[in-house]
Amino acid sequence: VDLGVDVPADKFVEAVKANENVKIVACSALLTTTMAALKKTVETLRESGLKGFKIMVGGAPVTAEFAASIGADAYTPDAGSAAVKAKELATA
């Protein structure tokens, strides 16, 4: 489910609720100024009480250290590695 760009954190929660069997929520930040929104999205998903899925983050300004600091389950630097990691997480 592609939620688009400039998606509020609550919309991710709504999408998880509306779609059964969600295994992965993937988010990307393309500018350093959007990294705060990425952090808010991870926090909102964690605080929602929803379970059974992993959160992946990536994007140009994102690092593994940042991903860990905001509580994401996985970080990938590009789309190719994101596909591999998503498959790995979904089958774990």
PDB file of N, CA and C in Angstrom:
ATOM      1  N   VAL A   1       0.860  -1.165   0.000  1.00  0.00           N
ATOM      2  CA  VAL A   1       0.000   0.000   0.000  1.00  0.00           C
ATOM      3  C   VAL A   1       0.903   1.223   0.000  1.00  0.00           C
ATOM      4  N   ASP A   2       0.824   2.011  -1.024  1.00  0.00           N
ATOM      5  CA  ASP A   2       1.634   3.223  -1.133  1.00  0.00           C
ATOM      6  C   ASP A   2       0.812   4.389  -0.595  1.00  0.00           C
ATOM      7  N   LEU A   3       1.268   4.981   0.494  1.00  0.00           N
ATOM      8  CA  LEU A   3       0.544   6.098   1.097  1.00  0.00           C
ATOM      9  C   LEU A   3       0.904   7.437   0.476  1.00  0.00           C
ATOM     10  N   GLY A   4       1.952   7.482  -0.333  1.00  0.00           N
ATOM     11  CA  GLY A   4       2.311   8.722  -0.998  1.00  0.00           C
ATOM     12  C   GLY A   4       3.402   9.486  -0.278  1.00  0.00           C
ATOM     13  N   VAL A   5       3.406  10.793  -0.454  1.00  0.00           N
ATOM     14  CA  VAL A   5       4.425  11.660   0.134  1.00  0.00           C
ATOM     15  C   VAL A   5       3.788  12.585   1.161  1.00  0.00           C
ATOM     16  N   ASP A   6       4.609  13.095   2.060  1.00  0.00           N
ATOM     17  CA  ASP A   6       4.141  14.002   3.120  1.00  0.00           C
ATOM     18  C   ASP A   6       2.963  13.387   3.895  1.00  0.00           C
ATOM     19  N   VAL A   7       3.161  12.158   4.324  1.00  0.00           N
ATOM     20  CA  VAL A   7       2.097  11.415   5.008  1.00  0.00           C
ATOM     21  C   VAL A   7       2.200  11.631   6.513  1.00  0.00           C
ATOM     22  N   PRO A   8       1.125  12.080   7.138  1.00  0.00           N
ATOM     23  CA  PRO A   8       1.143  12.248   8.591  1.00  0.00           C
ATOM     24  C   PRO A   8       1.291  10.892   9.289  1.00  0.00           C
ATOM     25  N   ALA A   9       1.881  10.887  10.458  1.00  0.00           N
ATOM     26  CA  ALA A   9       2.134   9.654  11.199  1.00  0.00           C
ATOM     27  C   ALA A   9       0.852   8.869  11.456  1.00  0.00           C
ATOM     28  N   ASP A  10      -0.229   9.551  11.773  1.00  0.00           N
ATOM     29  CA  ASP A  10      -1.493   8.865  12.059  1.00  0.00           C
ATOM     30  C   ASP A  10      -2.018   8.074  10.867  1.00  0.00           C
ATOM     31  N   LYS A  11      -1.687   8.522   9.674  1.00  0.00           N
ATOM     32  CA  LYS A  11      -2.151   7.818   8.477  1.00  0.00           C
ATOM     33  C   LYS A  11      -1.481   6.447   8.359  1.00  0.00           C
ATOM     34  N   PHE A  12      -0.262   6.319   8.851  1.00  0.00           N
ATOM     35  CA  PHE A  12       0.403   5.013   8.865  1.00  0.00           C
ATOM     36  C   PHE A  12      -0.344   4.064   9.804  1.00  0.00           C
ATOM     37  N   VAL A  13      -0.743   4.565  10.947  1.00  0.00           N
ATOM     38  CA  VAL A  13      -1.497   3.741  11.907  1.00  0.00           C
ATOM     39  C   VAL A  13      -2.820   3.310  11.275  1.00  0.00           C
ATOM     40  N   GLU A  14      -3.521   4.237  10.648  1.00  0.00           N
ATOM     41  CA  GLU A  14      -4.781   3.911   9.984  1.00  0.00           C
ATOM     42  C   GLU A  14      -4.587   2.844   8.915  1.00  0.00           C
ATOM     43  N   ALA A  15      -3.503   2.946   8.156  1.00  0.00           N
ATOM     44  CA  ALA A  15      -3.238   1.982   7.092  1.00  0.00           C
ATOM     45  C   ALA A  15      -2.949   0.590   7.649  1.00  0.00           C
ATOM     46  N   VAL A  16      -2.223   0.521   8.755  1.00  0.00           N
ATOM     47  CA  VAL A  16      -1.958  -0.778   9.383  1.00  0.00           C
ATOM     48  C   VAL A  16      -3.265  -1.380   9.878  1.00  0.00           C
ATOM     49  N   LYS A  17      -4.111  -0.582  10.483  1.00  0.00           N
ATOM     50  CA  LYS A  17      -5.401  -1.064  10.979  1.00  0.00           C
ATOM     51  C   LYS A  17      -6.299  -1.543   9.839  1.00  0.00           C
ATOM     52  N   ALA A  18      -6.246  -0.855   8.703  1.00  0.00           N
ATOM     53  CA  ALA A  18      -7.131  -1.152   7.580  1.00  0.00           C
ATOM     54  C   ALA A  18      -6.666  -2.328   6.722  1.00  0.00           C
ATOM     55  N   ASN A  19      -5.433  -2.756   6.895  1.00  0.00           N
ATOM     56  CA  ASN A  19      -4.884  -3.814   6.050  1.00  0.00           C
ATOM     57  C   ASN A  19      -4.410  -4.972   6.914  1.00  0.00           C
ATOM     58  N   GLU A  20      -5.126  -6.073   6.833  1.00  0.00           N
ATOM     59  CA  GLU A  20      -4.762  -7.251   7.619  1.00  0.00           C
ATOM     60  C   GLU A  20      -3.408  -7.789   7.181  1.00  0.00           C
ATOM     61  N   ASN A  21      -2.745  -8.423   8.102  1.00  0.00           N
ATOM     62  CA  ASN A  21      -1.491  -9.128   7.831  1.00  0.00           C
ATOM     63  C   ASN A  21      -0.340  -8.221   7.395  1.00  0.00           C
ATOM     64  N   VAL A  22      -0.324  -6.986   7.844  1.00  0.00           N
ATOM     65  CA  VAL A  22       0.805  -6.110   7.551  1.00  0.00           C
ATOM     66  C   VAL A  22       2.035  -6.683   8.241  1.00  0.00           C
ATOM     67  N   LYS A  23       3.089  -6.906   7.484  1.00  0.00           N
ATOM     68  CA  LYS A  23       4.334  -7.437   8.030  1.00  0.00           C
ATOM     69  C   LYS A  23       5.418  -6.371   8.123  1.00  0.00           C
ATOM     70  N   ILE A  24       5.333  -5.378   7.233  1.00  0.00           N
ATOM     71  CA  ILE A  24       6.374  -4.349   7.162  1.00  0.00           C
ATOM     72  C   ILE A  24       5.752  -2.991   6.880  1.00  0.00           C
ATOM     73  N   VAL A  25       6.238  -1.987   7.601  1.00  0.00           N
ATOM     74  CA  VAL A  25       5.925  -0.601   7.294  1.00  0.00           C
ATOM     75  C   VAL A  25       7.265   0.030   6.922  1.00  0.00           C
ATOM     76  N   ALA A  26       7.347   0.546   5.720  1.00  0.00           N
ATOM     77  CA  ALA A  26       8.593   1.137   5.228  1.00  0.00           C
ATOM     78  C   ALA A  26       8.399   2.639   5.021  1.00  0.00           C
ATOM     79  N   CYS A  27       9.354   3.409   5.499  1.00  0.00           N
ATOM     80  CA  CYS A  27       9.297   4.868   5.400  1.00  0.00           C
ATOM     81  C   CYS A  27      10.626   5.391   4.879  1.00  0.00           C
ATOM     82  N   SER A  28      10.552   6.480   4.132  1.00  0.00           N
ATOM     83  CA  SER A  28      11.752   7.075   3.572  1.00  0.00           C
ATOM     84  C   SER A  28      11.762   8.575   3.810  1.00  0.00           C
ATOM     85  N   ALA A  29      12.932   9.096   4.137  1.00  0.00           N
ATOM     86  CA  ALA A  29      13.129  10.538   4.264  1.00  0.00           C
ATOM     87  C   ALA A  29      14.099  10.971   3.169  1.00  0.00           C
ATOM     88  N   LEU A  30      13.725  11.955   2.419  1.00  0.00           N
ATOM     89  CA  LEU A  30      14.576  12.387   1.313  1.00  0.00           C
ATOM     90  C   LEU A  30      15.408  13.620   1.628  1.00  0.00           C
ATOM     91  N   LEU A  31      15.043  14.334   2.687  1.00  0.00           N
ATOM     92  CA  LEU A  31      15.783  15.526   3.105  1.00  0.00           C
ATOM     93  C   LEU A  31      16.012  15.460   4.605  1.00  0.00           C
ATOM     94  N   THR A  32      17.059  16.081   5.087  1.00  0.00           N
ATOM     95  CA  THR A  32      17.304  16.084   6.530  1.00  0.00           C
ATOM     96  C   THR A  32      16.143  16.723   7.286  1.00  0.00           C
ATOM     97  N   THR A  33      15.468  17.656   6.654  1.00  0.00           N
ATOM     98  CA  THR A  33      14.342  18.319   7.320  1.00  0.00           C
ATOM     99  C   THR A  33      13.154  17.385   7.524  1.00  0.00           C
ATOM    100  N   THR A  34      13.107  16.268   6.822  1.00  0.00           N
ATOM    101  CA  THR A  34      11.993  15.324   6.983  1.00  0.00           C
ATOM    102  C   THR A  34      12.320  14.206   7.970  1.00  0.00           C
ATOM    103  N   MET A  35      13.514  14.181   8.493  1.00  0.00           N
ATOM    104  CA  MET A  35      13.900  13.122   9.421  1.00  0.00           C
ATOM    105  C   MET A  35      13.118  13.198  10.737  1.00  0.00           C
ATOM    106  N   ALA A  36      12.732  14.378  11.159  1.00  0.00           N
ATOM    107  CA  ALA A  36      11.925  14.514  12.378  1.00  0.00           C
ATOM    108  C   ALA A  36      10.563  13.847  12.188  1.00  0.00           C
ATOM    109  N   ALA A  37      10.013  13.968  10.991  1.00  0.00           N
ATOM    110  CA  ALA A  37       8.731  13.320  10.696  1.00  0.00           C
ATOM    111  C   ALA A  37       8.882  11.802  10.698  1.00  0.00           C
ATOM    112  N   LEU A  38      10.019  11.317  10.254  1.00  0.00           N
ATOM    113  CA  LEU A  38      10.293   9.881  10.276  1.00  0.00           C
ATOM    114  C   LEU A  38      10.321   9.388  11.725  1.00  0.00           C
ATOM    115  N   LYS A  39      10.969  10.146  12.576  1.00  0.00           N
ATOM    116  CA  LYS A  39      11.018   9.800  14.002  1.00  0.00           C
ATOM    117  C   LYS A  39       9.607   9.792  14.587  1.00  0.00           C
ATOM    118  N   LYS A  40       8.818  10.799  14.275  1.00  0.00           N
ATOM    119  CA  LYS A  40       7.443  10.886  14.768  1.00  0.00           C
ATOM    120  C   LYS A  40       6.610   9.704  14.283  1.00  0.00           C
ATOM    121  N   THR A  41       6.800   9.292  13.061  1.00  0.00           N
ATOM    122  CA  THR A  41       6.048   8.163  12.510  1.00  0.00           C
ATOM    123  C   THR A  41       6.374   6.877  13.248  1.00  0.00           C
ATOM    124  N   VAL A  42       7.654   6.626  13.492  1.00  0.00           N
ATOM    125  CA  VAL A  42       8.049   5.426  14.229  1.00  0.00           C
ATOM    126  C   VAL A  42       7.473   5.479  15.644  1.00  0.00           C
ATOM    127  N   GLU A  43       7.572   6.613  16.297  1.00  0.00           N
ATOM    128  CA  GLU A  43       7.025   6.758  17.657  1.00  0.00           C
ATOM    129  C   GLU A  43       5.513   6.514  17.675  1.00  0.00           C
ATOM    130  N   THR A  44       4.809   7.082  16.719  1.00  0.00           N
ATOM    131  CA  THR A  44       3.352   6.942  16.660  1.00  0.00           C
ATOM    132  C   THR A  44       2.954   5.492  16.417  1.00  0.00           C
ATOM    133  N   LEU A  45       3.665   4.813  15.527  1.00  0.00           N
ATOM    134  CA  LEU A  45       3.380   3.403  15.280  1.00  0.00           C
ATOM    135  C   LEU A  45       3.626   2.569  16.539  1.00  0.00           C
ATOM    136  N   ARG A  46       4.723   2.827  17.235  1.00  0.00           N
ATOM    137  CA  ARG A  46       5.039   2.084  18.461  1.00  0.00           C
ATOM    138  C   ARG A  46       3.998   2.350  19.547  1.00  0.00           C
ATOM    139  N   GLU A  47       3.583   3.597  19.672  1.00  0.00           N
ATOM    140  CA  GLU A  47       2.621   3.978  20.705  1.00  0.00           C
ATOM    141  C   GLU A  47       1.194   3.523  20.391  1.00  0.00           C
ATOM    142  N   SER A  48       0.937   3.119  19.157  1.00  0.00           N
ATOM    143  CA  SER A  48      -0.412   2.715  18.755  1.00  0.00           C
ATOM    144  C   SER A  48      -0.843   1.403  19.391  1.00  0.00           C
ATOM    145  N   GLY A  49       0.112   0.619  19.851  1.00  0.00           N
ATOM    146  CA  GLY A  49      -0.207  -0.684  20.423  1.00  0.00           C
ATOM    147  C   GLY A  49      -0.387  -1.770  19.390  1.00  0.00           C
ATOM    148  N   LEU A  50      -0.315  -1.425  18.119  1.00  0.00           N
ATOM    149  CA  LEU A  50      -0.422  -2.422  17.050  1.00  0.00           C
ATOM    150  C   LEU A  50       0.824  -3.299  17.052  1.00  0.00           C
ATOM    151  N   LYS A  51       0.639  -4.561  16.724  1.00  0.00           N
ATOM    152  CA  LYS A  51       1.748  -5.518  16.757  1.00  0.00           C
ATOM    153  C   LYS A  51       1.812  -6.307  15.455  1.00  0.00           C
ATOM    154  N   GLY A  52       2.882  -7.092  15.328  1.00  0.00           N
ATOM    155  CA  GLY A  52       2.987  -8.032  14.222  1.00  0.00           C
ATOM    156  C   GLY A  52       3.667  -7.512  12.973  1.00  0.00           C
ATOM    157  N   PHE A  53       4.264  -6.329  13.040  1.00  0.00           N
ATOM    158  CA  PHE A  53       4.956  -5.790  11.870  1.00  0.00           C
ATOM    159  C   PHE A  53       6.284  -5.178  12.293  1.00  0.00           C
ATOM    160  N   LYS A  54       7.174  -5.061  11.326  1.00  0.00           N
ATOM    161  CA  LYS A  54       8.479  -4.425  11.526  1.00  0.00           C
ATOM    162  C   LYS A  54       8.471  -3.090  10.796  1.00  0.00           C
ATOM    163  N   ILE A  55       9.290  -2.162  11.285  1.00  0.00           N
ATOM    164  CA  ILE A  55       9.401  -0.841  10.660  1.00  0.00           C
ATOM    165  C   ILE A  55      10.783  -0.695  10.045  1.00  0.00           C
ATOM    166  N   MET A  56      10.796  -0.415   8.743  1.00  0.00           N
ATOM    167  CA  MET A  56      12.035  -0.165   8.005  1.00  0.00           C
ATOM    168  C   MET A  56      12.107   1.310   7.649  1.00  0.00           C
ATOM    169  N   VAL A  57      13.308   1.871   7.704  1.00  0.00           N
ATOM    170  CA  VAL A  57      13.502   3.255   7.278  1.00  0.00           C
ATOM    171  C   VAL A  57      14.719   3.353   6.368  1.00  0.00           C
ATOM    172  N   GLY A  58      14.731   4.387   5.578  1.00  0.00           N
ATOM    173  CA  GLY A  58      15.854   4.644   4.690  1.00  0.00           C
ATOM    174  C   GLY A  58      15.695   6.014   4.067  1.00  0.00           C
ATOM    175  N   GLY A  59      16.490   6.275   3.062  1.00  0.00           N
ATOM    176  CA  GLY A  59      16.459   7.560   2.385  1.00  0.00           C
ATOM    177  C   GLY A  59      17.823   8.216   2.449  1.00  0.00           C
ATOM    178  N   ALA A  60      18.020   9.187   1.603  1.00  0.00           N
ATOM    179  CA  ALA A  60      19.325   9.827   1.433  1.00  0.00           C
ATOM    180  C   ALA A  60      19.994  10.292   2.725  1.00  0.00           C
ATOM    181  N   PRO A  61      19.292  10.991   3.627  1.00  0.00           N
ATOM    182  CA  PRO A  61      19.986  11.487   4.817  1.00  0.00           C
ATOM    183  C   PRO A  61      20.020  10.502   5.983  1.00  0.00           C
ATOM    184  N   VAL A  62      19.330   9.383   5.845  1.00  0.00           N
ATOM    185  CA  VAL A  62      19.173   8.437   6.957  1.00  0.00           C
ATOM    186  C   VAL A  62      20.401   7.533   7.071  1.00  0.00           C
ATOM    187  N   THR A  63      20.782   7.243   8.306  1.00  0.00           N
ATOM    188  CA  THR A  63      21.890   6.331   8.568  1.00  0.00           C
ATOM    189  C   THR A  63      21.388   5.201   9.463  1.00  0.00           C
ATOM    190  N   ALA A  64      22.179   4.157   9.563  1.00  0.00           N
ATOM    191  CA  ALA A  64      21.841   3.047  10.460  1.00  0.00           C
ATOM    192  C   ALA A  64      21.756   3.536  11.901  1.00  0.00           C
ATOM    193  N   GLU A  65      22.628   4.446  12.268  1.00  0.00           N
ATOM    194  CA  GLU A  65      22.630   4.986  13.620  1.00  0.00           C
ATOM    195  C   GLU A  65      21.347   5.760  13.911  1.00  0.00           C
ATOM    196  N   PHE A  66      20.920   6.564  12.946  1.00  0.00           N
ATOM    197  CA  PHE A  66      19.675   7.306  13.120  1.00  0.00           C
ATOM    198  C   PHE A  66      18.499   6.348  13.229  1.00  0.00           C
ATOM    199  N   ALA A  67      18.461   5.348  12.361  1.00  0.00           N
ATOM    200  CA  ALA A  67      17.376   4.362  12.384  1.00  0.00           C
ATOM    201  C   ALA A  67      17.283   3.696  13.754  1.00  0.00           C
ATOM    202  N   ALA A  68      18.420   3.301  14.290  1.00  0.00           N
ATOM    203  CA  ALA A  68      18.435   2.673  15.615  1.00  0.00           C
ATOM    204  C   ALA A  68      17.973   3.652  16.688  1.00  0.00           C
ATOM    205  N   SER A  69      18.384   4.905  16.576  1.00  0.00           N
ATOM    206  CA  SER A  69      18.044   5.901  17.603  1.00  0.00           C
ATOM    207  C   SER A  69      16.557   6.221  17.655  1.00  0.00           C
ATOM    208  N   ILE A  70      15.836   6.015  16.548  1.00  0.00           N
ATOM    209  CA  ILE A  70      14.400   6.301  16.541  1.00  0.00           C
ATOM    210  C   ILE A  70      13.562   5.036  16.754  1.00  0.00           C
ATOM    211  N   GLY A  71      14.227   3.899  16.914  1.00  0.00           N
ATOM    212  CA  GLY A  71      13.506   2.667  17.208  1.00  0.00           C
ATOM    213  C   GLY A  71      13.036   1.871  16.014  1.00  0.00           C
ATOM    214  N   ALA A  72      13.586   2.158  14.836  1.00  0.00           N
ATOM    215  CA  ALA A  72      13.230   1.362  13.656  1.00  0.00           C
ATOM    216  C   ALA A  72      13.841  -0.037  13.785  1.00  0.00           C
ATOM    217  N   ASP A  73      13.188  -1.011  13.171  1.00  0.00           N
ATOM    218  CA  ASP A  73      13.683  -2.383  13.202  1.00  0.00           C
ATOM    219  C   ASP A  73      14.776  -2.633  12.174  1.00  0.00           C
ATOM    220  N   ALA A  74      14.780  -1.832  11.109  1.00  0.00           N
ATOM    221  CA  ALA A  74      15.764  -2.052  10.052  1.00  0.00           C
ATOM    222  C   ALA A  74      16.038  -0.752   9.310  1.00  0.00           C
ATOM    223  N   TYR A  75      17.232  -0.691   8.756  1.00  0.00           N
ATOM    224  CA  TYR A  75      17.664   0.431   7.911  1.00  0.00           C
ATOM    225  C   TYR A  75      18.249  -0.162   6.639  1.00  0.00           C
ATOM    226  N   THR A  76      17.976   0.450   5.526  1.00  0.00           N
ATOM    227  CA  THR A  76      18.643   0.092   4.273  1.00  0.00           C
ATOM    228  C   THR A  76      18.984   1.376   3.516  1.00  0.00           C
ATOM    229  N   PRO A  77      20.117   1.379   2.831  1.00  0.00           N
ATOM    230  CA  PRO A  77      20.560   2.597   2.163  1.00  0.00           C
ATOM    231  C   PRO A  77      19.944   2.839   0.787  1.00  0.00           C
ATOM    232  N   ASP A  78      19.314   1.804   0.195  1.00  0.00           N
ATOM    233  CA  ASP A  78      18.779   1.971  -1.154  1.00  0.00           C
ATOM    234  C   ASP A  78      17.629   0.990  -1.396  1.00  0.00           C
ATOM    235  N   ALA A  79      16.937   1.172  -2.507  1.00  0.00           N
ATOM    236  CA  ALA A  79      15.751   0.365  -2.808  1.00  0.00           C
ATOM    237  C   ALA A  79      16.080  -1.115  -2.982  1.00  0.00           C
ATOM    238  N   GLY A  80      17.199  -1.414  -3.607  1.00  0.00           N
ATOM    239  CA  GLY A  80      17.572  -2.816  -3.812  1.00  0.00           C
ATOM    240  C   GLY A  80      17.773  -3.558  -2.510  1.00  0.00           C
ATOM    241  N   SER A  81      18.522  -2.955  -1.604  1.00  0.00           N
ATOM    242  CA  SER A  81      18.745  -3.603  -0.307  1.00  0.00           C
ATOM    243  C   SER A  81      17.476  -3.593   0.541  1.00  0.00           C
ATOM    244  N   ALA A  82      16.594  -2.618   0.323  1.00  0.00           N
ATOM    245  CA  ALA A  82      15.314  -2.587   1.030  1.00  0.00           C
ATOM    246  C   ALA A  82      14.462  -3.790   0.646  1.00  0.00           C
ATOM    247  N   ALA A  83      14.468  -4.138  -0.621  1.00  0.00           N
ATOM    248  CA  ALA A  83      13.688  -5.309  -1.078  1.00  0.00           C
ATOM    249  C   ALA A  83      14.213  -6.586  -0.435  1.00  0.00           C
ATOM    250  N   VAL A  84      15.513  -6.720  -0.379  1.00  0.00           N
ATOM    251  CA  VAL A  84      16.120  -7.906   0.245  1.00  0.00           C
ATOM    252  C   VAL A  84      15.793  -7.953   1.732  1.00  0.00           C
ATOM    253  N   LYS A  85      15.943  -6.833   2.424  1.00  0.00           N
ATOM    254  CA  LYS A  85      15.668  -6.773   3.857  1.00  0.00           C
ATOM    255  C   LYS A  85      14.193  -7.009   4.157  1.00  0.00           C
ATOM    256  N   ALA A  86      13.308  -6.470   3.325  1.00  0.00           N
ATOM    257  CA  ALA A  86      11.871  -6.662   3.518  1.00  0.00           C
ATOM    258  C   ALA A  86      11.513  -8.144   3.431  1.00  0.00           C
ATOM    259  N   LYS A  87      12.075  -8.812   2.471  1.00  0.00           N
ATOM    260  CA  LYS A  87      11.817 -10.258   2.323  1.00  0.00           C
ATOM    261  C   LYS A  87      12.323 -11.000   3.544  1.00  0.00           C
ATOM    262  N   GLU A  88      13.488 -10.633   4.006  1.00  0.00           N
ATOM    263  CA  GLU A  88      14.089 -11.250   5.189  1.00  0.00           C
ATOM    264  C   GLU A  88      13.204 -11.023   6.431  1.00  0.00           C
ATOM    265  N   LEU A  89      12.752  -9.801   6.623  1.00  0.00           N
ATOM    266  CA  LEU A  89      11.918  -9.486   7.782  1.00  0.00           C
ATOM    267  C   LEU A  89      10.549 -10.170   7.714  1.00  0.00           C
ATOM    268  N   ALA A  90       9.986 -10.235   6.527  1.00  0.00           N
ATOM    269  CA  ALA A  90       8.645 -10.810   6.367  1.00  0.00           C
ATOM    270  C   ALA A  90       8.628 -12.306   6.620  1.00  0.00           C
ATOM    271  N   THR A  91       9.750 -12.954   6.424  1.00  0.00           N
ATOM    272  CA  THR A  91       9.794 -14.406   6.608  1.00  0.00           C
ATOM    273  C   THR A  91      10.413 -14.798   7.950  1.00  0.00           C
ATOM    274  N   ALA A  92      10.824 -13.816   8.732  1.00  0.00           N
ATOM    275  CA  ALA A  92      11.451 -14.112  10.033  1.00  0.00           C
ATOM    276  C   ALA A  92      10.418 -14.454  11.085  1.00  0.00           C
TER     277      ALA A  92
END
